[in-house]
Amino acid sequence: MAEETDKSQLLHLVFGGELKSLTGTEFRDLEALDIVGIYGDYKSAEATWRAKAQETVDNAHMRYFIVHLHRLLDPDAGKAGRD
């Protein structure tokens, strides 16, 4: 049986790609997006995001993002101030 904890599962998506412009968030090639993964908490997602950003530091147009999936799945829960 799975162990239950008080900590709720807050899903976060980490993805990235090469942007068309340094000032926008439009990607050059949607087919080339790097979908890194989905993580159960912000801390894990942030650690992965930092690592991927560091790997691509030489390409100024390459950007990685963290999307708070739990806020999309349950918008009312996001108002509570949780990450």
C-alpha atoms as a PDB file:
ATOM      1  CA  MET A   1       0.000   0.000   0.000  1.00  0.00           C
ATOM      2  CA  ALA A   2       1.249   3.488  -0.831  1.00  0.00           C
ATOM      3  CA  GLU A   3       2.364   5.599   2.078  1.00  0.00           C
ATOM      4  CA  GLU A   4       0.197   8.689   2.640  1.00  0.00           C
ATOM      5  CA  THR A   5       1.702  12.036   3.606  1.00  0.00           C
ATOM      6  CA  ASP A   6       0.324  15.423   4.611  1.00  0.00           C
ATOM      7  CA  LYS A   7       2.091  16.994   1.655  1.00  0.00           C
ATOM      8  CA  SER A   8      -0.211  17.380  -1.339  1.00  0.00           C
ATOM      9  CA  GLN A   9       0.973  16.534  -4.831  1.00  0.00           C
ATOM     10  CA  LEU A  10       1.652  19.749  -6.778  1.00  0.00           C
ATOM     11  CA  LEU A  11       2.503  18.891 -10.378  1.00  0.00           C
ATOM     12  CA  HIS A  12       5.037  21.021 -12.284  1.00  0.00           C
ATOM     13  CA  LEU A  13       6.094  20.694 -15.928  1.00  0.00           C
ATOM     14  CA  VAL A  14       9.638  21.610 -17.013  1.00  0.00           C
ATOM     15  CA  PHE A  15      10.143  22.297 -20.715  1.00  0.00           C
ATOM     16  CA  GLY A  16      12.219  24.502 -22.968  1.00  0.00           C
ATOM     17  CA  GLY A  17      13.167  25.466 -26.448  1.00  0.00           C
ATOM     18  CA  GLU A  18      14.823  28.037 -28.632  1.00  0.00           C
ATOM     19  CA  LEU A  19      12.995  31.370 -28.756  1.00  0.00           C
ATOM     20  CA  LYS A  20      12.524  33.512 -31.875  1.00  0.00           C
ATOM     21  CA  SER A  21      13.404  36.658 -29.914  1.00  0.00           C
ATOM     22  CA  LEU A  22      15.165  37.396 -26.643  1.00  0.00           C
ATOM     23  CA  THR A  23      12.236  39.568 -25.576  1.00  0.00           C
ATOM     24  CA  GLY A  24       9.381  37.140 -26.239  1.00  0.00           C
ATOM     25  CA  THR A  25       8.200  33.630 -25.504  1.00  0.00           C
ATOM     26  CA  GLU A  26       7.478  32.447 -29.046  1.00  0.00           C
ATOM     27  CA  PHE A  27       9.466  29.342 -29.968  1.00  0.00           C
ATOM     28  CA  ARG A  28      11.356  28.917 -33.246  1.00  0.00           C
ATOM     29  CA  ASP A  29      10.345  25.293 -33.737  1.00  0.00           C
ATOM     30  CA  LEU A  30       7.548  23.658 -31.734  1.00  0.00           C
ATOM     31  CA  GLU A  31       8.646  20.244 -32.991  1.00  0.00           C
ATOM     32  CA  ALA A  32      12.013  20.760 -31.267  1.00  0.00           C
ATOM     33  CA  LEU A  33      10.655  21.605 -27.791  1.00  0.00           C
ATOM     34  CA  ASP A  34      12.427  19.777 -24.993  1.00  0.00           C
ATOM     35  CA  ILE A  35       9.728  18.335 -22.711  1.00  0.00           C
ATOM     36  CA  VAL A  36      11.935  17.513 -19.748  1.00  0.00           C
ATOM     37  CA  GLY A  37       9.347  16.061 -17.388  1.00  0.00           C
ATOM     38  CA  ILE A  38       6.619  16.434 -14.789  1.00  0.00           C
ATOM     39  CA  TYR A  39       7.554  16.695 -11.110  1.00  0.00           C
ATOM     40  CA  GLY A  40       5.485  16.276  -7.953  1.00  0.00           C
ATOM     41  CA  ASP A  41       6.799  19.379  -6.192  1.00  0.00           C
ATOM     42  CA  TYR A  42       8.302  22.745  -7.050  1.00  0.00           C
ATOM     43  CA  LYS A  43      11.687  22.017  -5.458  1.00  0.00           C
ATOM     44  CA  SER A  44      12.308  19.039  -7.769  1.00  0.00           C
ATOM     45  CA  ALA A  45      11.115  20.974 -10.817  1.00  0.00           C
ATOM     46  CA  GLU A  46      13.339  23.933  -9.957  1.00  0.00           C
ATOM     47  CA  ALA A  47      16.436  21.735  -9.549  1.00  0.00           C
ATOM     48  CA  THR A  48      15.822  20.212 -12.981  1.00  0.00           C
ATOM     49  CA  TRP A  49      15.090  23.626 -14.519  1.00  0.00           C
ATOM     50  CA  ARG A  50      18.373  25.015 -13.160  1.00  0.00           C
ATOM     51  CA  ALA A  51      20.335  22.054 -14.525  1.00  0.00           C
ATOM     52  CA  LYS A  52      18.783  22.337 -18.003  1.00  0.00           C
ATOM     53  CA  ALA A  53      19.294  26.107 -18.078  1.00  0.00           C
ATOM     54  CA  GLN A  54      22.955  25.641 -17.118  1.00  0.00           C
ATOM     55  CA  GLU A  55      23.440  23.064 -19.898  1.00  0.00           C
ATOM     56  CA  THR A  56      22.283  25.600 -22.504  1.00  0.00           C
ATOM     57  CA  VAL A  57      23.867  28.750 -21.078  1.00  0.00           C
ATOM     58  CA  ASP A  58      25.877  29.339 -24.288  1.00  0.00           C
ATOM     59  CA  ASN A  59      22.692  29.728 -26.381  1.00  0.00           C
ATOM     60  CA  ALA A  60      21.012  33.002 -25.399  1.00  0.00           C
ATOM     61  CA  HIS A  61      17.828  32.045 -27.268  1.00  0.00           C
ATOM     62  CA  MET A  62      17.377  28.764 -25.399  1.00  0.00           C
ATOM     63  CA  ARG A  63      15.011  29.049 -22.430  1.00  0.00           C
ATOM     64  CA  TYR A  64      13.480  26.622 -19.970  1.00  0.00           C
ATOM     65  CA  PHE A  65      10.260  27.181 -18.054  1.00  0.00           C
ATOM     66  CA  ILE A  66       8.374  25.727 -15.101  1.00  0.00           C
ATOM     67  CA  VAL A  67       4.609  25.465 -15.544  1.00  0.00           C
ATOM     68  CA  HIS A  68       2.489  25.032 -12.415  1.00  0.00           C
ATOM     69  CA  LEU A  69       0.222  22.267 -13.728  1.00  0.00           C
ATOM     70  CA  HIS A  70      -1.601  22.001 -10.415  1.00  0.00           C
ATOM     71  CA  ARG A  71      -2.857  25.570 -10.884  1.00  0.00           C
ATOM     72  CA  LEU A  72      -4.245  24.682 -14.305  1.00  0.00           C
ATOM     73  CA  LEU A  73      -5.885  21.514 -12.990  1.00  0.00           C
ATOM     74  CA  ASP A  74      -7.392  23.245  -9.939  1.00  0.00           C
ATOM     75  CA  PRO A  75      -7.370  27.053 -10.337  1.00  0.00           C
ATOM     76  CA  ASP A  76      -9.040  27.646  -6.953  1.00  0.00           C
ATOM     77  CA  ALA A  77      -6.275  25.796  -5.110  1.00  0.00           C
ATOM     78  CA  GLY A  78      -3.666  28.148  -6.627  1.00  0.00           C
ATOM     79  CA  LYS A  79      -5.226  31.074  -4.780  1.00  0.00           C
ATOM     80  CA  ALA A  80      -4.076  29.645  -1.480  1.00  0.00           C
ATOM     81  CA  GLY A  81      -0.505  30.807  -2.197  1.00  0.00           C
ATOM     82  CA  ARG A  82       1.028  27.357  -2.612  1.00  0.00           C
ATOM     83  CA  ASP A  83       3.705  26.666  -5.251  1.00  0.00           C
END
